[in-house]
Structure formats: C-alpha cells, structure tokens
Amino acid sequence: MKALQAHRELHLPDSWLAAGFVRNLAWDRLHGFHQATPLNDVDVIYYQSHDLREEADLTIQNALVQRCPDISWEVKNQARMHLRNHDRPYDNALDAMHYWPEKETACAVRLADDGTLEWSSAFGLQHLFDLTISHNPNRQQEVFLSRIAKKQWLKVWPKLSVVTG
C-alpha cells in the first residue's frame, strides 16, 4: 500500500504500478507463501506523449524515492518504449502492455483517489491465476524463454508451467 500511495501522490498521466509488482504477489499467494518474494524493483509505467525524455522518468523516479526511499523504483514512459522495442507507437499504457514478453507480466494496478484499486491488464487476469507463464506472440519466443531462465521463475514458483503456443 505504501508504494501505491506514493505513486498516487504524483498524479501521473495514465500511470500504473505494473509487471512484477502485481505478478509476483499473485504467484506468491497462489503458492501459499506467507511472505512476499523480494522485488528487484517496482515498475512504474505511465504514458505522456509530449515529453519523451528519459530525464523525465528520472525526475519521477527521484520523487518516488523521496517518498519511499526503501523501494527501488523503475519508471518508464510507455510513449517512448516502442522505439526500444521496434514496434509501432503505442496508444497508451495498456496498449504498450500488449507487447510485453509474457501475458502474466502485462498487468498493472493503481490506487484511485477514493482508495479503491484499479486494475489494467492487456490479456486479462486469468492467465495470472492459472499459474502459467504464457508467451505473448507479439514478442519473439527467444526473448520470452530467456526471461524465464534469467529470472528463475520456475525455481521460485515451482507450480508454474510454461505455455509457448
């Protein structure tokens, strides 16, 4: 909740806490873990087409660090990420998630002003609850398989199964 509150305070455009922040928590709960698996970072995505400078991401990241210095933040403007990924320009943060390597990673949450949680997912949340790691056909399978090996998801969450088709 601390991360969600810090994020909400910035009022960023089309902004979410995404990827492992949601995915890992779901997999931890489904595996019956009583403590959350440590995160390398908390991914903040937002969409702001009129300012594509990486420095803008760093400014936001610094503001989050000031609010929660114990969290490792990673901030990325999704309006710029199509350049790195060699895709067509994304329309918004949700559209950008349609190009992430795993369907289960393409989910996000934010704290609304009324205190409720708002969810966004490019492929729905059922993939996440099915204990799968599913290849997104919008990305090369080699990238997908490399991420599984590098992040050791099958070792951390042994009930997961890989879906490549």
C-alpha atoms as a PDB file:
ATOM      1  CA  MET A   1       0.000   0.000   0.000  1.00  0.00           C
ATOM      2  CA  LYS A   2       2.903   2.327   0.722  1.00  0.00           C
ATOM      3  CA  ALA A   3       4.087   2.066  -2.898  1.00  0.00           C
ATOM      4  CA  LEU A   4       0.576   2.562  -4.247  1.00  0.00           C
ATOM      5  CA  GLN A   5       0.071   5.647  -2.092  1.00  0.00           C
ATOM      6  CA  ALA A   6       3.394   7.185  -3.104  1.00  0.00           C
ATOM      7  CA  HIS A   7       2.544   6.577  -6.750  1.00  0.00           C
ATOM      8  CA  ARG A   8      -0.925   8.119  -6.410  1.00  0.00           C
ATOM      9  CA  GLU A   9       0.518  11.289  -4.866  1.00  0.00           C
ATOM     10  CA  LEU A  10       2.312  12.111  -8.129  1.00  0.00           C
ATOM     11  CA  HIS A  11      -0.866  12.111 -10.268  1.00  0.00           C
ATOM     12  CA  LEU A  12       0.994  10.910 -13.359  1.00  0.00           C
ATOM     13  CA  PRO A  13      -0.878  10.550 -16.660  1.00  0.00           C
ATOM     14  CA  ASP A  14      -2.104   7.028 -17.458  1.00  0.00           C
ATOM     15  CA  SER A  15       0.167   5.641 -14.773  1.00  0.00           C
ATOM     16  CA  TRP A  16       0.322   2.264 -13.048  1.00  0.00           C
ATOM     17  CA  LEU A  17       2.425   0.018 -10.853  1.00  0.00           C
ATOM     18  CA  ALA A  18       2.988  -2.902 -13.162  1.00  0.00           C
ATOM     19  CA  ALA A  19       4.703  -6.156 -14.010  1.00  0.00           C
ATOM     20  CA  GLY A  20       6.338  -7.981 -11.101  1.00  0.00           C
ATOM     21  CA  PHE A  21       4.623  -5.752  -8.541  1.00  0.00           C
ATOM     22  CA  VAL A  22       1.329  -7.470  -9.423  1.00  0.00           C
ATOM     23  CA  ARG A  23       2.534 -10.752 -10.939  1.00  0.00           C
ATOM     24  CA  ASN A  24       4.829 -11.764  -8.082  1.00  0.00           C
ATOM     25  CA  LEU A  25       2.233 -11.008  -5.425  1.00  0.00           C
ATOM     26  CA  ALA A  26      -0.337 -13.167  -7.223  1.00  0.00           C
ATOM     27  CA  TRP A  27       2.094 -16.041  -7.682  1.00  0.00           C
ATOM     28  CA  ASP A  28       3.210 -15.770  -4.043  1.00  0.00           C
ATOM     29  CA  ARG A  29      -0.391 -16.046  -2.817  1.00  0.00           C
ATOM     30  CA  LEU A  30      -1.189 -18.923  -5.175  1.00  0.00           C
ATOM     31  CA  HIS A  31       1.884 -20.771  -3.897  1.00  0.00           C
ATOM     32  CA  GLY A  32       0.848 -20.211  -0.289  1.00  0.00           C
ATOM     33  CA  PHE A  33       3.891 -18.105   0.559  1.00  0.00           C
ATOM     34  CA  HIS A  34       3.406 -16.193   3.805  1.00  0.00           C
ATOM     35  CA  GLN A  35       5.938 -13.530   2.871  1.00  0.00           C
ATOM     36  CA  ALA A  36       6.230 -11.703  -0.416  1.00  0.00           C
ATOM     37  CA  THR A  37       9.067 -12.678  -2.718  1.00  0.00           C
ATOM     38  CA  PRO A  38      11.502  -9.727  -2.777  1.00  0.00           C
ATOM     39  CA  LEU A  39      11.192  -7.478  -5.805  1.00  0.00           C
ATOM     40  CA  ASN A  40      14.231  -6.247  -7.701  1.00  0.00           C
ATOM     41  CA  ASP A  41      12.289  -3.058  -8.330  1.00  0.00           C
ATOM     42  CA  VAL A  42       8.809  -1.617  -8.538  1.00  0.00           C
ATOM     43  CA  ASP A  43       7.920  -0.835 -12.136  1.00  0.00           C
ATOM     44  CA  VAL A  44       6.019   2.381 -12.721  1.00  0.00           C
ATOM     45  CA  ILE A  45       4.649   2.848 -16.200  1.00  0.00           C
ATOM     46  CA  TYR A  46       2.981   5.961 -17.498  1.00  0.00           C
ATOM     47  CA  TYR A  47       2.061   7.438 -20.853  1.00  0.00           C
ATOM     48  CA  GLN A  48       2.957  11.009 -21.726  1.00  0.00           C
ATOM     49  CA  SER A  49       3.449  11.606 -25.441  1.00  0.00           C
ATOM     50  CA  HIS A  50       4.532  15.257 -25.213  1.00  0.00           C
ATOM     51  CA  ASP A  51       7.679  14.557 -23.167  1.00  0.00           C
ATOM     52  CA  LEU A  52       9.711  11.536 -24.253  1.00  0.00           C
ATOM     53  CA  ARG A  53      12.918  12.492 -22.465  1.00  0.00           C
ATOM     54  CA  GLU A  54      14.460   9.823 -20.240  1.00  0.00           C
ATOM     55  CA  GLU A  55      15.238  12.642 -17.812  1.00  0.00           C
ATOM     56  CA  ALA A  56      11.504  12.974 -17.173  1.00  0.00           C
ATOM     57  CA  ASP A  57      11.464   9.350 -15.991  1.00  0.00           C
ATOM     58  CA  LEU A  58      14.381  10.070 -13.666  1.00  0.00           C
ATOM     59  CA  THR A  59      12.628  13.107 -12.211  1.00  0.00           C
ATOM     60  CA  ILE A  60       9.587  10.987 -11.412  1.00  0.00           C
ATOM     61  CA  GLN A  61      11.786   8.213 -10.064  1.00  0.00           C
ATOM     62  CA  ASN A  62      13.538  10.671  -7.748  1.00  0.00           C
ATOM     63  CA  ALA A  63      10.195  11.969  -6.487  1.00  0.00           C
ATOM     64  CA  LEU A  64       9.170   8.404  -5.658  1.00  0.00           C
ATOM     65  CA  VAL A  65      12.485   7.724  -3.914  1.00  0.00           C
ATOM     66  CA  GLN A  66      11.910  10.816  -1.757  1.00  0.00           C
ATOM     67  CA  ARG A  67       8.536   9.394  -0.713  1.00  0.00           C
ATOM     68  CA  CYS A  68       9.708   5.789  -0.264  1.00  0.00           C
ATOM     69  CA  PRO A  69      13.493   5.522  -0.171  1.00  0.00           C
ATOM     70  CA  ASP A  70      13.353   1.845   0.792  1.00  0.00           C
ATOM     71  CA  ILE A  71      11.816   0.912  -2.576  1.00  0.00           C
ATOM     72  CA  SER A  72      13.853   0.507  -5.743  1.00  0.00           C
ATOM     73  CA  TRP A  73      11.754   2.285  -8.369  1.00  0.00           C
ATOM     74  CA  GLU A  74      11.993   1.933 -12.145  1.00  0.00           C
ATOM     75  CA  VAL A  75       9.961   4.438 -14.143  1.00  0.00           C
ATOM     76  CA  LYS A  76       9.329   4.187 -17.886  1.00  0.00           C
ATOM     77  CA  ASN A  77       7.220   6.364 -20.156  1.00  0.00           C
ATOM     78  CA  GLN A  78       5.456   3.893 -22.430  1.00  0.00           C
ATOM     79  CA  ALA A  79       5.096   6.570 -25.112  1.00  0.00           C
ATOM     80  CA  ARG A  80       8.820   6.070 -25.741  1.00  0.00           C
ATOM     81  CA  MET A  81       9.215   2.312 -25.322  1.00  0.00           C
ATOM     82  CA  HIS A  82       8.099   1.438 -28.848  1.00  0.00           C
ATOM     83  CA  LEU A  83      11.406   2.885 -30.081  1.00  0.00           C
ATOM     84  CA  ARG A  84      13.461   0.477 -27.970  1.00  0.00           C
ATOM     85  CA  ASN A  85      11.237  -2.462 -28.932  1.00  0.00           C
ATOM     86  CA  HIS A  86      10.979  -1.630 -32.659  1.00  0.00           C
ATOM     87  CA  ASP A  87       7.165  -1.593 -32.552  1.00  0.00           C
ATOM     88  CA  ARG A  88       4.625   0.814 -33.898  1.00  0.00           C
ATOM     89  CA  PRO A  89       3.958   3.721 -31.488  1.00  0.00           C
ATOM     90  CA  TYR A  90       1.795   2.683 -28.542  1.00  0.00           C
ATOM     91  CA  ASP A  91      -1.517   4.439 -27.964  1.00  0.00           C
ATOM     92  CA  ASN A  92      -1.445   4.314 -24.149  1.00  0.00           C
ATOM     93  CA  ALA A  93      -0.039   2.285 -21.246  1.00  0.00           C
ATOM     94  CA  LEU A  94      -2.453  -0.602 -21.782  1.00  0.00           C
ATOM     95  CA  ASP A  95      -1.554  -0.797 -25.465  1.00  0.00           C
ATOM     96  CA  ALA A  96       2.143  -0.933 -24.530  1.00  0.00           C
ATOM     97  CA  MET A  97       1.485  -3.904 -22.246  1.00  0.00           C
ATOM     98  CA  HIS A  98       0.200  -5.820 -25.289  1.00  0.00           C
ATOM     99  CA  TYR A  99       3.864  -6.055 -26.348  1.00  0.00           C
ATOM    100  CA  TRP A 100       5.408  -7.347 -23.129  1.00  0.00           C
ATOM    101  CA  PRO A 101       7.014 -10.817 -23.451  1.00  0.00           C
ATOM    102  CA  GLU A 102       4.730 -12.676 -21.002  1.00  0.00           C
ATOM    103  CA  LYS A 103       0.981 -12.280 -20.720  1.00  0.00           C
ATOM    104  CA  GLU A 104       1.178 -12.585 -16.934  1.00  0.00           C
ATOM    105  CA  THR A 105       3.529  -9.616 -16.690  1.00  0.00           C
ATOM    106  CA  ALA A 106       1.158  -7.384 -18.668  1.00  0.00           C
ATOM    107  CA  CYS A 107      -0.923  -6.375 -15.676  1.00  0.00           C
ATOM    108  CA  ALA A 108      -0.998  -3.286 -13.516  1.00  0.00           C
ATOM    109  CA  VAL A 109      -2.702  -1.653 -10.552  1.00  0.00           C
ATOM    110  CA  ARG A 110      -3.092   1.813  -9.104  1.00  0.00           C
ATOM    111  CA  LEU A 111      -4.762   3.360  -6.110  1.00  0.00           C
ATOM    112  CA  ALA A 112      -7.689   5.570  -7.052  1.00  0.00           C
ATOM    113  CA  ASP A 113      -8.420   8.807  -5.220  1.00  0.00           C
ATOM    114  CA  ASP A 114     -11.323   7.107  -3.405  1.00  0.00           C
ATOM    115  CA  GLY A 115      -8.972   4.422  -2.050  1.00  0.00           C
ATOM    116  CA  THR A 116     -10.097   1.601  -4.336  1.00  0.00           C
ATOM    117  CA  LEU A 117      -7.751  -0.386  -6.542  1.00  0.00           C
ATOM    118  CA  GLU A 118      -7.991  -0.010 -10.295  1.00  0.00           C
ATOM    119  CA  TRP A 119      -6.679  -2.851 -12.463  1.00  0.00           C
ATOM    120  CA  SER A 120      -5.440  -2.932 -16.022  1.00  0.00           C
ATOM    121  CA  SER A 121      -4.288  -5.934 -17.999  1.00  0.00           C
ATOM    122  CA  ALA A 122      -3.560  -6.453 -21.661  1.00  0.00           C
ATOM    123  CA  PHE A 123      -4.660 -10.085 -21.575  1.00  0.00           C
ATOM    124  CA  GLY A 124      -6.969 -10.244 -18.571  1.00  0.00           C
ATOM    125  CA  LEU A 125      -6.032 -11.566 -15.159  1.00  0.00           C
ATOM    126  CA  GLN A 126      -6.969 -15.229 -15.654  1.00  0.00           C
ATOM    127  CA  HIS A 127      -3.502 -16.038 -17.064  1.00  0.00           C
ATOM    128  CA  LEU A 128      -2.033 -14.821 -13.813  1.00  0.00           C
ATOM    129  CA  PHE A 129      -4.297 -17.048 -11.711  1.00  0.00           C
ATOM    130  CA  ASP A 130      -3.730 -20.122 -13.898  1.00  0.00           C
ATOM    131  CA  LEU A 131      -0.124 -20.422 -12.656  1.00  0.00           C
ATOM    132  CA  THR A 132       1.258 -20.193 -16.166  1.00  0.00           C
ATOM    133  CA  ILE A 133       3.948 -18.198 -17.887  1.00  0.00           C
ATOM    134  CA  SER A 134       2.464 -17.562 -21.320  1.00  0.00           C
ATOM    135  CA  HIS A 135       4.352 -16.361 -24.366  1.00  0.00           C
ATOM    136  CA  ASN A 136       2.969 -13.216 -25.925  1.00  0.00           C
ATOM    137  CA  PRO A 137       3.062 -13.748 -29.707  1.00  0.00           C
ATOM    138  CA  ASN A 138       3.826 -10.024 -30.125  1.00  0.00           C
ATOM    139  CA  ARG A 139       7.363 -10.770 -28.857  1.00  0.00           C
ATOM    140  CA  GLN A 140       9.987 -13.216 -30.030  1.00  0.00           C
ATOM    141  CA  GLN A 141       9.862 -16.545 -28.251  1.00  0.00           C
ATOM    142  CA  GLU A 142      13.616 -16.369 -27.622  1.00  0.00           C
ATOM    143  CA  VAL A 143      13.119 -13.218 -25.539  1.00  0.00           C
ATOM    144  CA  PHE A 144      10.351 -14.953 -23.584  1.00  0.00           C
ATOM    145  CA  LEU A 145      12.417 -18.084 -22.883  1.00  0.00           C
ATOM    146  CA  SER A 146      15.475 -16.038 -21.981  1.00  0.00           C
ATOM    147  CA  ARG A 147      13.488 -14.085 -19.390  1.00  0.00           C
ATOM    148  CA  ILE A 148      12.180 -17.289 -17.809  1.00  0.00           C
ATOM    149  CA  ALA A 149      15.715 -18.621 -17.438  1.00  0.00           C
ATOM    150  CA  LYS A 150      17.228 -15.325 -16.265  1.00  0.00           C
ATOM    151  CA  LYS A 151      14.541 -14.580 -13.691  1.00  0.00           C
ATOM    152  CA  GLN A 152      14.363 -18.223 -12.490  1.00  0.00           C
ATOM    153  CA  TRP A 153      10.587 -18.060 -12.123  1.00  0.00           C
ATOM    154  CA  LEU A 154      10.177 -21.854 -12.252  1.00  0.00           C
ATOM    155  CA  LYS A 155      12.602 -22.220  -9.363  1.00  0.00           C
ATOM    156  CA  VAL A 156      10.968 -19.516  -7.236  1.00  0.00           C
ATOM    157  CA  TRP A 157       7.395 -20.613  -8.045  1.00  0.00           C
ATOM    158  CA  PRO A 158       7.571 -24.360  -8.822  1.00  0.00           C
ATOM    159  CA  LYS A 159       3.829 -24.732  -9.528  1.00  0.00           C
ATOM    160  CA  LEU A 160       4.174 -22.580 -12.674  1.00  0.00           C
ATOM    161  CA  SER A 161       4.035 -24.092 -16.128  1.00  0.00           C
ATOM    162  CA  VAL A 162       5.266 -22.578 -19.385  1.00  0.00           C
ATOM    163  CA  VAL A 163       2.852 -22.003 -22.285  1.00  0.00           C
ATOM    164  CA  THR A 164       4.580 -21.309 -25.593  1.00  0.00           C
ATOM    165  CA  GLY A 165       1.798 -21.817 -28.111  1.00  0.00           C
END
